[in-house]
Amino acid sequence: MLEHGEVKRVDTGQLPWRPSTFAANVYVKDVTVTDGWEMQIVRFEPGARFPLHAHERAEFIFVLEGELVQGGRRLGPGWASVSTQGTVDEDVHSEQGCVFVLVDRA
């Protein structure tokens, strides 16, 4: 957790992967939390899938590797996705596996 006026720099290569509490075959590196927001690096193993869920606040995704399918749309490296509060994700998965940056509510 960052305090007001604090800057944190993180070598994410040194962070451990932990199993996601949200979905099977998904792993997470917790980067930091501040002002009610969290940043994570998320890895989907091939075939991994998020369950149906609604966003309580905005969510930001930036794909680094592989391919993420979100609502039927294929997102590869360099693609970004922004979902507003109240958005419902019905189909988020990866057939081949992927890694992405996720910023959302803490």
C-alpha atoms as a PDB file:
ATOM      1  CA  MET A   1       0.000   0.000   0.000  1.00  0.00           C
ATOM      2  CA  LEU A   2       1.401   3.376  -1.020  1.00  0.00           C
ATOM      3  CA  GLU A   3       1.014   6.426   1.189  1.00  0.00           C
ATOM      4  CA  HIS A   4       0.149   9.915  -0.077  1.00  0.00           C
ATOM      5  CA  GLY A   5       3.129  11.446  -1.911  1.00  0.00           C
ATOM      6  CA  GLU A   6       5.003   8.140  -2.147  1.00  0.00           C
ATOM      7  CA  VAL A   7       6.461   6.696  -5.375  1.00  0.00           C
ATOM      8  CA  LYS A   8       7.136   2.994  -5.711  1.00  0.00           C
ATOM      9  CA  ARG A   9       9.139   1.328  -8.462  1.00  0.00           C
ATOM     10  CA  VAL A  10       8.801  -2.422  -8.871  1.00  0.00           C
ATOM     11  CA  ASP A  11      10.880  -4.927 -10.822  1.00  0.00           C
ATOM     12  CA  THR A  12       7.958  -7.218 -11.655  1.00  0.00           C
ATOM     13  CA  GLY A  13      10.390  -9.914 -12.787  1.00  0.00           C
ATOM     14  CA  GLN A  14      11.294 -10.374  -9.118  1.00  0.00           C
ATOM     15  CA  LEU A  15       7.678 -10.773  -7.952  1.00  0.00           C
ATOM     16  CA  PRO A  16       6.329 -14.299  -7.394  1.00  0.00           C
ATOM     17  CA  TRP A  17       3.327 -15.640  -9.310  1.00  0.00           C
ATOM     18  CA  ARG A  18       0.460 -16.669  -7.038  1.00  0.00           C
ATOM     19  CA  PRO A  19      -2.672 -18.606  -8.024  1.00  0.00           C
ATOM     20  CA  SER A  20      -5.643 -16.323  -8.656  1.00  0.00           C
ATOM     21  CA  THR A  21      -8.499 -16.499  -6.167  1.00  0.00           C
ATOM     22  CA  PHE A  22     -10.864 -15.564  -9.034  1.00  0.00           C
ATOM     23  CA  ALA A  23     -10.297 -18.351 -11.585  1.00  0.00           C
ATOM     24  CA  ALA A  24      -8.428 -21.621 -12.122  1.00  0.00           C
ATOM     25  CA  ASN A  25      -5.298 -21.667 -14.313  1.00  0.00           C
ATOM     26  CA  VAL A  26      -4.822 -17.923 -13.781  1.00  0.00           C
ATOM     27  CA  TYR A  27      -1.775 -16.539 -11.946  1.00  0.00           C
ATOM     28  CA  VAL A  28      -1.143 -13.058 -10.594  1.00  0.00           C
ATOM     29  CA  LYS A  29       1.774 -10.837  -9.602  1.00  0.00           C
ATOM     30  CA  ASP A  30       0.585  -8.160  -7.166  1.00  0.00           C
ATOM     31  CA  VAL A  31       2.432  -4.961  -8.107  1.00  0.00           C
ATOM     32  CA  THR A  32       0.921  -2.413  -5.700  1.00  0.00           C
ATOM     33  CA  VAL A  33      -2.228  -0.865  -4.231  1.00  0.00           C
ATOM     34  CA  THR A  34      -2.936   2.848  -3.732  1.00  0.00           C
ATOM     35  CA  ASP A  35      -5.973   5.111  -3.348  1.00  0.00           C
ATOM     36  CA  GLY A  36      -8.340   2.141  -3.725  1.00  0.00           C
ATOM     37  CA  TRP A  37      -6.734   0.901  -6.975  1.00  0.00           C
ATOM     38  CA  GLU A  38      -4.537  -2.125  -7.560  1.00  0.00           C
ATOM     39  CA  MET A  39      -2.101  -3.009 -10.337  1.00  0.00           C
ATOM     40  CA  GLN A  40      -1.435  -6.639 -11.176  1.00  0.00           C
ATOM     41  CA  ILE A  41       0.300  -8.656 -13.864  1.00  0.00           C
ATOM     42  CA  VAL A  42      -2.041 -11.516 -14.825  1.00  0.00           C
ATOM     43  CA  ARG A  43      -1.112 -14.741 -16.649  1.00  0.00           C
ATOM     44  CA  PHE A  44      -3.740 -16.995 -18.231  1.00  0.00           C
ATOM     45  CA  GLU A  45      -2.629 -20.534 -18.959  1.00  0.00           C
ATOM     46  CA  PRO A  46      -3.991 -21.909 -22.275  1.00  0.00           C
ATOM     47  CA  GLY A  47      -7.728 -22.510 -21.890  1.00  0.00           C
ATOM     48  CA  ALA A  48      -8.109 -20.349 -18.762  1.00  0.00           C
ATOM     49  CA  ARG A  49     -11.377 -18.449 -18.349  1.00  0.00           C
ATOM     50  CA  PHE A  50     -12.760 -15.784 -15.991  1.00  0.00           C
ATOM     51  CA  PRO A  51     -16.267 -16.445 -14.662  1.00  0.00           C
ATOM     52  CA  LEU A  52     -19.141 -14.107 -15.481  1.00  0.00           C
ATOM     53  CA  HIS A  53     -18.630 -10.905 -13.476  1.00  0.00           C
ATOM     54  CA  ALA A  54     -19.663  -7.244 -13.274  1.00  0.00           C
ATOM     55  CA  HIS A  55     -17.252  -4.372 -12.681  1.00  0.00           C
ATOM     56  CA  GLU A  56     -17.908  -2.330  -9.561  1.00  0.00           C
ATOM     57  CA  ARG A  57     -15.485   0.319 -10.871  1.00  0.00           C
ATOM     58  CA  ALA A  58     -13.572   0.895 -14.067  1.00  0.00           C
ATOM     59  CA  GLU A  59     -11.068  -1.758 -15.187  1.00  0.00           C
ATOM     60  CA  PHE A  60      -8.030  -1.234 -17.411  1.00  0.00           C
ATOM     61  CA  ILE A  61      -6.245  -4.054 -19.290  1.00  0.00           C
ATOM     62  CA  PHE A  62      -3.093  -3.887 -21.424  1.00  0.00           C
ATOM     63  CA  VAL A  63      -2.034  -7.110 -23.197  1.00  0.00           C
ATOM     64  CA  LEU A  64       1.702  -7.858 -23.091  1.00  0.00           C
ATOM     65  CA  GLU A  65       1.915 -11.379 -24.556  1.00  0.00           C
ATOM     66  CA  GLY A  66      -0.346 -13.936 -26.224  1.00  0.00           C
ATOM     67  CA  GLU A  67      -4.025 -13.382 -26.940  1.00  0.00           C
ATOM     68  CA  LEU A  68      -6.911 -12.512 -24.615  1.00  0.00           C
ATOM     69  CA  VAL A  69     -10.500 -12.933 -25.840  1.00  0.00           C
ATOM     70  CA  GLN A  70     -12.940 -10.487 -24.256  1.00  0.00           C
ATOM     71  CA  GLY A  71     -16.573 -10.558 -25.369  1.00  0.00           C
ATOM     72  CA  GLY A  72     -15.644 -12.306 -28.625  1.00  0.00           C
ATOM     73  CA  ARG A  73     -12.946  -9.741 -29.464  1.00  0.00           C
ATOM     74  CA  ARG A  74      -9.367 -11.017 -29.787  1.00  0.00           C
ATOM     75  CA  LEU A  75      -6.788  -8.763 -28.133  1.00  0.00           C
ATOM     76  CA  GLY A  76      -3.101  -9.321 -28.837  1.00  0.00           C
ATOM     77  CA  PRO A  77       0.078  -7.615 -27.618  1.00  0.00           C
ATOM     78  CA  GLY A  78      -0.304  -3.848 -27.500  1.00  0.00           C
ATOM     79  CA  TRP A  79      -4.109  -3.930 -27.273  1.00  0.00           C
ATOM     80  CA  ALA A  80      -5.801  -2.136 -24.396  1.00  0.00           C
ATOM     81  CA  SER A  81      -9.309  -2.508 -23.001  1.00  0.00           C
ATOM     82  CA  VAL A  82     -11.169  -0.141 -20.677  1.00  0.00           C
ATOM     83  CA  SER A  83     -14.414  -1.233 -19.021  1.00  0.00           C
ATOM     84  CA  THR A  84     -16.603   1.209 -17.132  1.00  0.00           C
ATOM     85  CA  GLN A  85     -18.430   0.649 -13.863  1.00  0.00           C
ATOM     86  CA  GLY A  86     -21.373  -1.702 -14.348  1.00  0.00           C
ATOM     87  CA  THR A  87     -19.899  -3.464 -17.378  1.00  0.00           C
ATOM     88  CA  VAL A  88     -20.537  -7.224 -17.391  1.00  0.00           C
ATOM     89  CA  ASP A  89     -17.854  -9.600 -18.701  1.00  0.00           C
ATOM     90  CA  GLU A  90     -19.572 -12.731 -19.978  1.00  0.00           C
ATOM     91  CA  ASP A  91     -16.667 -14.298 -21.852  1.00  0.00           C
ATOM     92  CA  VAL A  92     -13.041 -13.535 -20.961  1.00  0.00           C
ATOM     93  CA  HIS A  93     -10.611 -16.332 -21.804  1.00  0.00           C
ATOM     94  CA  SER A  94      -7.420 -17.264 -23.615  1.00  0.00           C
ATOM     95  CA  GLU A  95      -7.090 -20.234 -25.920  1.00  0.00           C
ATOM     96  CA  GLN A  96      -3.297 -19.971 -26.244  1.00  0.00           C
ATOM     97  CA  GLY A  97      -2.435 -18.239 -22.962  1.00  0.00           C
ATOM     98  CA  CYS A  98      -1.545 -14.611 -22.358  1.00  0.00           C
ATOM     99  CA  VAL A  99      -0.050 -12.071 -19.967  1.00  0.00           C
ATOM    100  CA  PHE A 100      -1.609  -8.672 -19.313  1.00  0.00           C
ATOM    101  CA  VAL A 101      -1.479  -5.701 -16.956  1.00  0.00           C
ATOM    102  CA  LEU A 102      -4.695  -5.230 -14.964  1.00  0.00           C
ATOM    103  CA  VAL A 103      -5.622  -2.077 -13.048  1.00  0.00           C
ATOM    104  CA  ASP A 104      -8.887  -2.196 -11.130  1.00  0.00           C
ATOM    105  CA  ARG A 105     -10.526  -1.637  -7.742  1.00  0.00           C
ATOM    106  CA  ALA A 106      -8.671  -2.931  -4.739  1.00  0.00           C
END
